[in-house]
Amino acid sequence: MSEKNMRIMRSIRDNTKNCPASIPFSLLSEEQAQRNHSQTLTRLNERGGLSPNEALWNIERRDWGSQTLTEQNAIDTLNVMIKRHEDANKVDRIKELETALNNLLNDCINFDDGNLTKVFQEEASKALGFKGLDKDQKK
């Protein structure tokens, strides 16, 4: 599931070092876009996106033109914010998967009528390439 992204203006991307092509919409504020540009995020994206400073003003919920950084400093700051956002999303996804796995295991345990353990043992043996031992077989 891919997240929608806001483009960074191409003229800036093409002429600066390490400029991200886009930033996740989830970092941005629709309300701030209206306040700063009188346009929606979607419309701004359609029109070419935001400059790095405009993106920062939006993310930090600041008015247009406040505390302008050099283009490169703005880009470096955006890259840090994007990385933190991606890392946070990975942690959230891992927690979701852990919860789903725990729920599945609990469902299996609740379903177990004595046969489930045997099924797991057989499947694990197959996966590891072992043959099961008969009750009468001894080492």
N, C-alpha and C. Protein backbone atom coordinates (compact mmCIF):
# COMPACT_ATOMS: atom_id res chain seq x y z
N MET A 1 0.84 -1.17 0.00
CA MET A 1 0.00 0.00 0.00
C MET A 1 0.89 1.24 0.00
N SER A 2 0.83 1.92 -1.05
CA SER A 2 1.71 3.05 -1.27
C SER A 2 1.05 4.34 -0.81
N GLU A 3 1.83 5.15 -0.14
CA GLU A 3 1.32 6.42 0.37
C GLU A 3 1.43 7.49 -0.72
N LYS A 4 0.45 8.39 -0.74
CA LYS A 4 0.48 9.50 -1.69
C LYS A 4 1.58 10.48 -1.30
N ASN A 5 2.25 11.03 -2.31
CA ASN A 5 3.37 11.94 -2.07
C ASN A 5 3.17 13.29 -2.74
N MET A 6 3.75 14.32 -2.10
CA MET A 6 3.80 15.67 -2.65
C MET A 6 5.13 15.84 -3.36
N ARG A 7 5.07 16.29 -4.60
CA ARG A 7 6.30 16.51 -5.36
C ARG A 7 7.04 17.74 -4.83
N ILE A 8 8.35 17.67 -4.93
CA ILE A 8 9.18 18.85 -4.71
C ILE A 8 9.44 19.43 -6.11
N MET A 9 9.37 20.74 -6.22
CA MET A 9 9.49 21.39 -7.53
C MET A 9 10.70 20.89 -8.31
N ARG A 10 10.47 20.51 -9.54
CA ARG A 10 11.50 19.91 -10.38
C ARG A 10 12.70 20.84 -10.58
N SER A 11 12.47 22.11 -10.78
CA SER A 11 13.58 23.04 -11.02
C SER A 11 14.54 23.05 -9.84
N ILE A 12 14.03 22.84 -8.65
CA ILE A 12 14.87 22.79 -7.45
C ILE A 12 15.53 21.42 -7.35
N ARG A 13 14.74 20.37 -7.58
CA ARG A 13 15.29 19.00 -7.52
C ARG A 13 16.47 18.84 -8.46
N ASP A 14 16.34 19.37 -9.66
CA ASP A 14 17.37 19.19 -10.69
C ASP A 14 18.63 20.00 -10.43
N ASN A 15 18.54 21.00 -9.57
CA ASN A 15 19.68 21.90 -9.38
C ASN A 15 20.25 21.92 -7.97
N THR A 16 19.84 20.98 -7.13
CA THR A 16 20.37 20.94 -5.77
C THR A 16 20.75 19.52 -5.39
N LYS A 17 21.65 19.40 -4.46
CA LYS A 17 22.17 18.12 -4.02
C LYS A 17 21.22 17.43 -3.04
N ASN A 18 20.99 16.14 -3.28
CA ASN A 18 20.20 15.28 -2.37
C ASN A 18 18.77 15.73 -2.15
N CYS A 19 18.20 16.43 -3.10
CA CYS A 19 16.82 16.89 -2.95
C CYS A 19 15.86 15.72 -3.15
N PRO A 20 14.96 15.49 -2.19
CA PRO A 20 13.99 14.42 -2.38
C PRO A 20 13.04 14.76 -3.53
N ALA A 21 12.62 13.76 -4.26
CA ALA A 21 11.68 13.97 -5.35
C ALA A 21 10.29 14.31 -4.81
N SER A 22 10.00 13.78 -3.63
CA SER A 22 8.68 14.00 -3.04
C SER A 22 8.76 13.76 -1.54
N ILE A 23 7.66 14.15 -0.87
CA ILE A 23 7.52 13.90 0.57
C ILE A 23 6.13 13.34 0.82
N PRO A 24 5.99 12.49 1.84
CA PRO A 24 4.68 11.90 2.12
C PRO A 24 3.63 12.96 2.47
N PHE A 25 2.45 12.81 1.89
CA PHE A 25 1.33 13.70 2.20
C PHE A 25 1.03 13.69 3.69
N SER A 26 1.26 12.55 4.33
CA SER A 26 0.91 12.45 5.75
C SER A 26 1.75 13.36 6.64
N LEU A 27 2.85 13.89 6.12
CA LEU A 27 3.62 14.87 6.88
C LEU A 27 3.02 16.27 6.78
N LEU A 28 2.19 16.47 5.79
CA LEU A 28 1.70 17.81 5.46
C LEU A 28 0.32 18.09 6.04
N SER A 29 -0.01 19.38 6.13
CA SER A 29 -1.29 19.83 6.66
C SER A 29 -2.12 20.48 5.56
N GLU A 30 -3.30 19.94 5.34
CA GLU A 30 -4.23 20.54 4.37
C GLU A 30 -4.60 21.95 4.80
N GLU A 31 -4.82 22.13 6.08
CA GLU A 31 -5.19 23.45 6.62
C GLU A 31 -4.08 24.47 6.37
N GLN A 32 -2.83 24.05 6.59
CA GLN A 32 -1.71 24.96 6.38
C GLN A 32 -1.55 25.28 4.89
N ALA A 33 -1.82 24.32 4.03
CA ALA A 33 -1.75 24.57 2.57
C ALA A 33 -2.76 25.64 2.19
N GLN A 34 -3.95 25.57 2.75
CA GLN A 34 -4.97 26.58 2.48
C GLN A 34 -4.53 27.95 3.01
N ARG A 35 -3.96 27.96 4.21
CA ARG A 35 -3.54 29.22 4.80
C ARG A 35 -2.38 29.85 4.01
N ASN A 36 -1.42 29.04 3.60
CA ASN A 36 -0.23 29.57 2.93
C ASN A 36 -0.42 29.81 1.43
N HIS A 37 -1.27 29.01 0.78
CA HIS A 37 -1.37 29.07 -0.68
C HIS A 37 -2.79 29.23 -1.20
N SER A 38 -3.77 29.17 -0.32
CA SER A 38 -5.18 29.19 -0.72
C SER A 38 -5.48 28.10 -1.74
N GLN A 39 -4.83 26.95 -1.57
CA GLN A 39 -5.03 25.80 -2.45
C GLN A 39 -4.94 24.52 -1.63
N THR A 40 -5.50 23.46 -2.16
CA THR A 40 -5.39 22.15 -1.51
C THR A 40 -4.02 21.55 -1.79
N LEU A 41 -3.65 20.57 -1.00
CA LEU A 41 -2.40 19.86 -1.25
C LEU A 41 -2.42 19.19 -2.62
N THR A 42 -3.56 18.63 -2.97
CA THR A 42 -3.68 17.97 -4.28
C THR A 42 -3.45 18.96 -5.41
N ARG A 43 -4.05 20.14 -5.30
CA ARG A 43 -3.89 21.15 -6.34
C ARG A 43 -2.44 21.64 -6.42
N LEU A 44 -1.81 21.84 -5.28
CA LEU A 44 -0.40 22.24 -5.27
C LEU A 44 0.46 21.18 -5.95
N ASN A 45 0.15 19.93 -5.67
CA ASN A 45 0.89 18.83 -6.28
C ASN A 45 0.69 18.82 -7.80
N GLU A 46 -0.54 19.03 -8.23
CA GLU A 46 -0.84 19.08 -9.67
C GLU A 46 -0.07 20.22 -10.36
N ARG A 47 0.16 21.29 -9.64
CA ARG A 47 0.81 22.46 -10.21
C ARG A 47 2.33 22.41 -10.11
N GLY A 48 2.87 21.28 -9.66
CA GLY A 48 4.33 21.12 -9.63
C GLY A 48 4.92 20.87 -8.27
N GLY A 49 4.10 20.97 -7.23
CA GLY A 49 4.58 20.67 -5.89
C GLY A 49 5.00 21.89 -5.10
N LEU A 50 5.81 21.66 -4.10
CA LEU A 50 6.27 22.70 -3.19
C LEU A 50 7.79 22.83 -3.27
N SER A 51 8.27 24.00 -2.91
CA SER A 51 9.72 24.16 -2.72
C SER A 51 10.07 23.51 -1.38
N PRO A 52 11.34 23.21 -1.13
CA PRO A 52 11.71 22.66 0.17
C PRO A 52 11.30 23.56 1.34
N ASN A 53 11.48 24.88 1.21
CA ASN A 53 11.06 25.78 2.28
C ASN A 53 9.55 25.77 2.46
N GLU A 54 8.80 25.77 1.37
CA GLU A 54 7.33 25.72 1.49
C GLU A 54 6.89 24.44 2.18
N ALA A 55 7.55 23.33 1.85
CA ALA A 55 7.22 22.06 2.50
C ALA A 55 7.49 22.15 4.00
N LEU A 56 8.63 22.72 4.37
CA LEU A 56 8.95 22.87 5.80
C LEU A 56 7.96 23.76 6.51
N TRP A 57 7.60 24.87 5.89
CA TRP A 57 6.61 25.76 6.52
C TRP A 57 5.31 25.01 6.77
N ASN A 58 4.93 24.17 5.82
CA ASN A 58 3.70 23.42 5.97
C ASN A 58 3.84 22.38 7.08
N ILE A 59 4.90 21.59 7.03
CA ILE A 59 5.11 20.54 8.03
C ILE A 59 5.16 21.13 9.44
N GLU A 60 5.84 22.25 9.58
CA GLU A 60 6.00 22.88 10.90
C GLU A 60 4.86 23.83 11.24
N ARG A 61 3.86 23.88 10.36
CA ARG A 61 2.65 24.71 10.57
C ARG A 61 3.02 26.18 10.75
N ARG A 62 3.91 26.65 9.89
CA ARG A 62 4.33 28.05 9.92
C ARG A 62 3.79 28.78 8.70
N ASP A 63 3.65 30.08 8.83
CA ASP A 63 3.15 30.90 7.73
C ASP A 63 4.17 30.99 6.61
N TRP A 64 3.65 31.19 5.40
CA TRP A 64 4.49 31.31 4.22
C TRP A 64 5.50 32.43 4.42
N GLY A 65 6.76 32.15 4.09
CA GLY A 65 7.80 33.16 4.17
C GLY A 65 8.51 33.29 5.50
N SER A 66 8.08 32.54 6.50
CA SER A 66 8.71 32.66 7.82
C SER A 66 9.99 31.84 7.87
N GLN A 67 11.01 32.41 8.47
CA GLN A 67 12.30 31.74 8.69
C GLN A 67 12.77 30.94 7.48
N THR A 68 13.03 31.59 6.40
CA THR A 68 13.51 30.92 5.20
C THR A 68 14.93 30.42 5.42
N LEU A 69 15.15 29.15 5.08
CA LEU A 69 16.48 28.56 5.14
C LEU A 69 17.10 28.60 3.75
N THR A 70 18.40 28.39 3.68
CA THR A 70 18.98 28.20 2.35
C THR A 70 18.33 26.96 1.76
N GLU A 71 18.28 26.88 0.45
CA GLU A 71 17.64 25.73 -0.20
C GLU A 71 18.27 24.42 0.29
N GLN A 72 19.60 24.39 0.39
CA GLN A 72 20.27 23.16 0.81
C GLN A 72 19.96 22.81 2.25
N ASN A 73 19.91 23.78 3.14
CA ASN A 73 19.55 23.50 4.54
C ASN A 73 18.11 23.00 4.64
N ALA A 74 17.22 23.57 3.85
CA ALA A 74 15.83 23.11 3.84
C ALA A 74 15.76 21.67 3.35
N ILE A 75 16.51 21.36 2.31
CA ILE A 75 16.54 19.99 1.77
C ILE A 75 17.08 19.02 2.81
N ASP A 76 18.17 19.38 3.45
CA ASP A 76 18.75 18.51 4.48
C ASP A 76 17.76 18.26 5.62
N THR A 77 17.06 19.30 6.03
CA THR A 77 16.05 19.17 7.09
C THR A 77 14.90 18.28 6.63
N LEU A 78 14.44 18.45 5.40
CA LEU A 78 13.38 17.60 4.87
C LEU A 78 13.80 16.14 4.84
N ASN A 79 15.04 15.87 4.42
CA ASN A 79 15.52 14.49 4.36
C ASN A 79 15.51 13.84 5.73
N VAL A 80 15.88 14.59 6.77
CA VAL A 80 15.83 14.06 8.14
C VAL A 80 14.38 13.77 8.54
N MET A 81 13.48 14.68 8.23
CA MET A 81 12.06 14.48 8.58
C MET A 81 11.47 13.28 7.85
N ILE A 82 11.81 13.12 6.59
CA ILE A 82 11.31 11.98 5.80
C ILE A 82 11.83 10.67 6.40
N LYS A 83 13.11 10.63 6.74
CA LYS A 83 13.71 9.42 7.32
C LYS A 83 13.03 9.06 8.64
N ARG A 84 12.81 10.05 9.49
CA ARG A 84 12.12 9.79 10.77
C ARG A 84 10.71 9.27 10.54
N HIS A 85 10.04 9.85 9.57
CA HIS A 85 8.68 9.42 9.24
C HIS A 85 8.68 7.97 8.75
N GLU A 86 9.61 7.63 7.88
CA GLU A 86 9.70 6.26 7.37
C GLU A 86 10.01 5.28 8.49
N ASP A 87 10.94 5.66 9.37
CA ASP A 87 11.30 4.79 10.50
C ASP A 87 10.10 4.58 11.43
N ALA A 88 9.36 5.63 11.70
CA ALA A 88 8.17 5.52 12.56
C ALA A 88 7.14 4.60 11.91
N ASN A 89 6.97 4.71 10.60
CA ASN A 89 6.02 3.84 9.90
C ASN A 89 6.45 2.39 9.97
N LYS A 90 7.77 2.13 9.89
CA LYS A 90 8.26 0.75 9.99
C LYS A 90 7.97 0.19 11.36
N VAL A 91 8.20 0.98 12.40
CA VAL A 91 7.93 0.53 13.77
C VAL A 91 6.44 0.24 13.94
N ASP A 92 5.59 1.12 13.43
CA ASP A 92 4.15 0.90 13.52
C ASP A 92 3.74 -0.38 12.79
N ARG A 93 4.34 -0.62 11.62
CA ARG A 93 4.01 -1.82 10.83
C ARG A 93 4.45 -3.08 11.57
N ILE A 94 5.63 -3.03 12.19
CA ILE A 94 6.10 -4.19 12.96
C ILE A 94 5.14 -4.47 14.11
N LYS A 95 4.69 -3.44 14.80
CA LYS A 95 3.73 -3.63 15.90
C LYS A 95 2.43 -4.24 15.39
N GLU A 96 1.95 -3.77 14.23
CA GLU A 96 0.73 -4.34 13.63
C GLU A 96 0.93 -5.82 13.32
N LEU A 97 2.07 -6.17 12.74
CA LEU A 97 2.34 -7.57 12.40
C LEU A 97 2.47 -8.44 13.64
N GLU A 98 3.12 -7.91 14.69
CA GLU A 98 3.24 -8.65 15.94
C GLU A 98 1.87 -8.92 16.54
N THR A 99 1.00 -7.91 16.52
CA THR A 99 -0.35 -8.07 17.04
C THR A 99 -1.11 -9.11 16.23
N ALA A 100 -1.01 -9.04 14.91
CA ALA A 100 -1.70 -10.01 14.05
C ALA A 100 -1.19 -11.43 14.31
N LEU A 101 0.12 -11.58 14.46
CA LEU A 101 0.70 -12.90 14.73
C LEU A 101 0.24 -13.43 16.08
N ASN A 102 0.25 -12.56 17.10
CA ASN A 102 -0.22 -12.99 18.42
C ASN A 102 -1.69 -13.40 18.38
N ASN A 103 -2.50 -12.65 17.64
CA ASN A 103 -3.92 -13.01 17.51
C ASN A 103 -4.08 -14.36 16.82
N LEU A 104 -3.29 -14.57 15.77
CA LEU A 104 -3.35 -15.84 15.04
C LEU A 104 -2.93 -16.99 15.94
N LEU A 105 -1.85 -16.81 16.69
CA LEU A 105 -1.41 -17.86 17.60
C LEU A 105 -2.44 -18.13 18.68
N ASN A 106 -3.05 -17.08 19.22
CA ASN A 106 -4.10 -17.28 20.22
C ASN A 106 -5.28 -18.02 19.64
N ASP A 107 -5.64 -17.69 18.39
CA ASP A 107 -6.73 -18.42 17.73
C ASP A 107 -6.38 -19.89 17.57
N CYS A 108 -5.12 -20.16 17.21
CA CYS A 108 -4.68 -21.55 17.05
C CYS A 108 -4.71 -22.29 18.38
N ILE A 109 -4.25 -21.64 19.43
CA ILE A 109 -4.24 -22.27 20.75
C ILE A 109 -5.67 -22.55 21.19
N ASN A 110 -6.57 -21.59 20.97
CA ASN A 110 -7.97 -21.79 21.35
C ASN A 110 -8.62 -22.89 20.52
N PHE A 111 -8.13 -23.10 19.31
CA PHE A 111 -8.69 -24.10 18.42
C PHE A 111 -8.14 -25.49 18.72
N ASP A 112 -6.99 -25.55 19.38
CA ASP A 112 -6.26 -26.80 19.57
C ASP A 112 -7.09 -27.80 20.36
N ASP A 113 -7.32 -28.95 19.75
CA ASP A 113 -8.01 -30.03 20.44
C ASP A 113 -7.06 -31.20 20.66
N GLY A 114 -5.77 -30.88 20.65
CA GLY A 114 -4.77 -31.92 20.84
C GLY A 114 -4.08 -32.28 19.54
N ASN A 115 -4.74 -31.99 18.42
CA ASN A 115 -4.16 -32.35 17.13
C ASN A 115 -3.26 -31.25 16.56
N LEU A 116 -3.49 -30.03 16.99
CA LEU A 116 -2.76 -28.90 16.42
C LEU A 116 -1.26 -29.01 16.69
N THR A 117 -0.90 -29.43 17.90
CA THR A 117 0.51 -29.56 18.23
C THR A 117 1.17 -30.56 17.29
N LYS A 118 0.48 -31.66 17.02
CA LYS A 118 1.00 -32.68 16.11
C LYS A 118 1.18 -32.11 14.70
N VAL A 119 0.20 -31.32 14.25
CA VAL A 119 0.28 -30.72 12.93
C VAL A 119 1.49 -29.79 12.84
N PHE A 120 1.67 -28.96 13.87
CA PHE A 120 2.83 -28.05 13.87
C PHE A 120 4.14 -28.83 13.85
N GLN A 121 4.20 -29.92 14.63
CA GLN A 121 5.41 -30.72 14.67
C GLN A 121 5.69 -31.34 13.31
N GLU A 122 4.66 -31.85 12.65
CA GLU A 122 4.83 -32.46 11.33
C GLU A 122 5.28 -31.43 10.31
N GLU A 123 4.66 -30.26 10.33
CA GLU A 123 5.04 -29.21 9.38
C GLU A 123 6.46 -28.72 9.63
N ALA A 124 6.83 -28.57 10.88
CA ALA A 124 8.19 -28.14 11.20
C ALA A 124 9.19 -29.20 10.74
N SER A 125 8.86 -30.47 10.94
CA SER A 125 9.74 -31.54 10.49
C SER A 125 9.90 -31.52 8.98
N LYS A 126 8.81 -31.33 8.26
CA LYS A 126 8.88 -31.25 6.79
C LYS A 126 9.76 -30.09 6.36
N ALA A 127 9.55 -28.94 7.00
CA ALA A 127 10.32 -27.75 6.63
C ALA A 127 11.80 -27.95 6.89
N LEU A 128 12.13 -28.69 7.94
CA LEU A 128 13.53 -28.92 8.27
C LEU A 128 14.11 -30.15 7.59
N GLY A 129 13.25 -30.93 6.92
CA GLY A 129 13.72 -32.11 6.20
C GLY A 129 13.89 -33.34 7.06
N PHE A 130 13.25 -33.37 8.23
CA PHE A 130 13.33 -34.54 9.10
C PHE A 130 12.14 -35.44 8.85
N LYS A 131 12.38 -36.74 9.07
CA LYS A 131 11.27 -37.68 9.04
C LYS A 131 10.84 -37.92 10.48
N GLY A 132 9.55 -38.01 10.68
CA GLY A 132 9.06 -38.26 12.03
C GLY A 132 9.41 -39.66 12.49
N LEU A 133 9.56 -39.85 13.78
CA LEU A 133 9.86 -41.14 14.33
C LEU A 133 8.58 -41.83 14.77
N ASP A 134 8.49 -43.11 14.47
CA ASP A 134 7.35 -43.88 14.96
C ASP A 134 7.50 -44.06 16.47
N LYS A 135 6.39 -44.31 17.13
CA LYS A 135 6.43 -44.50 18.58
C LYS A 135 7.35 -45.64 18.97
N ASP A 136 7.41 -46.66 18.13
CA ASP A 136 8.20 -47.83 18.45
C ASP A 136 9.68 -47.66 18.11
N GLN A 137 10.02 -46.63 17.31
CA GLN A 137 11.41 -46.43 16.93
C GLN A 137 12.18 -45.84 18.11
N LYS A 138 13.40 -46.28 18.26
CA LYS A 138 14.23 -45.74 19.33
C LYS A 138 15.55 -45.30 18.72
N LYS A 139 16.19 -44.36 19.34
CA LYS A 139 17.48 -43.88 18.85
C LYS A 139 18.56 -44.87 19.10
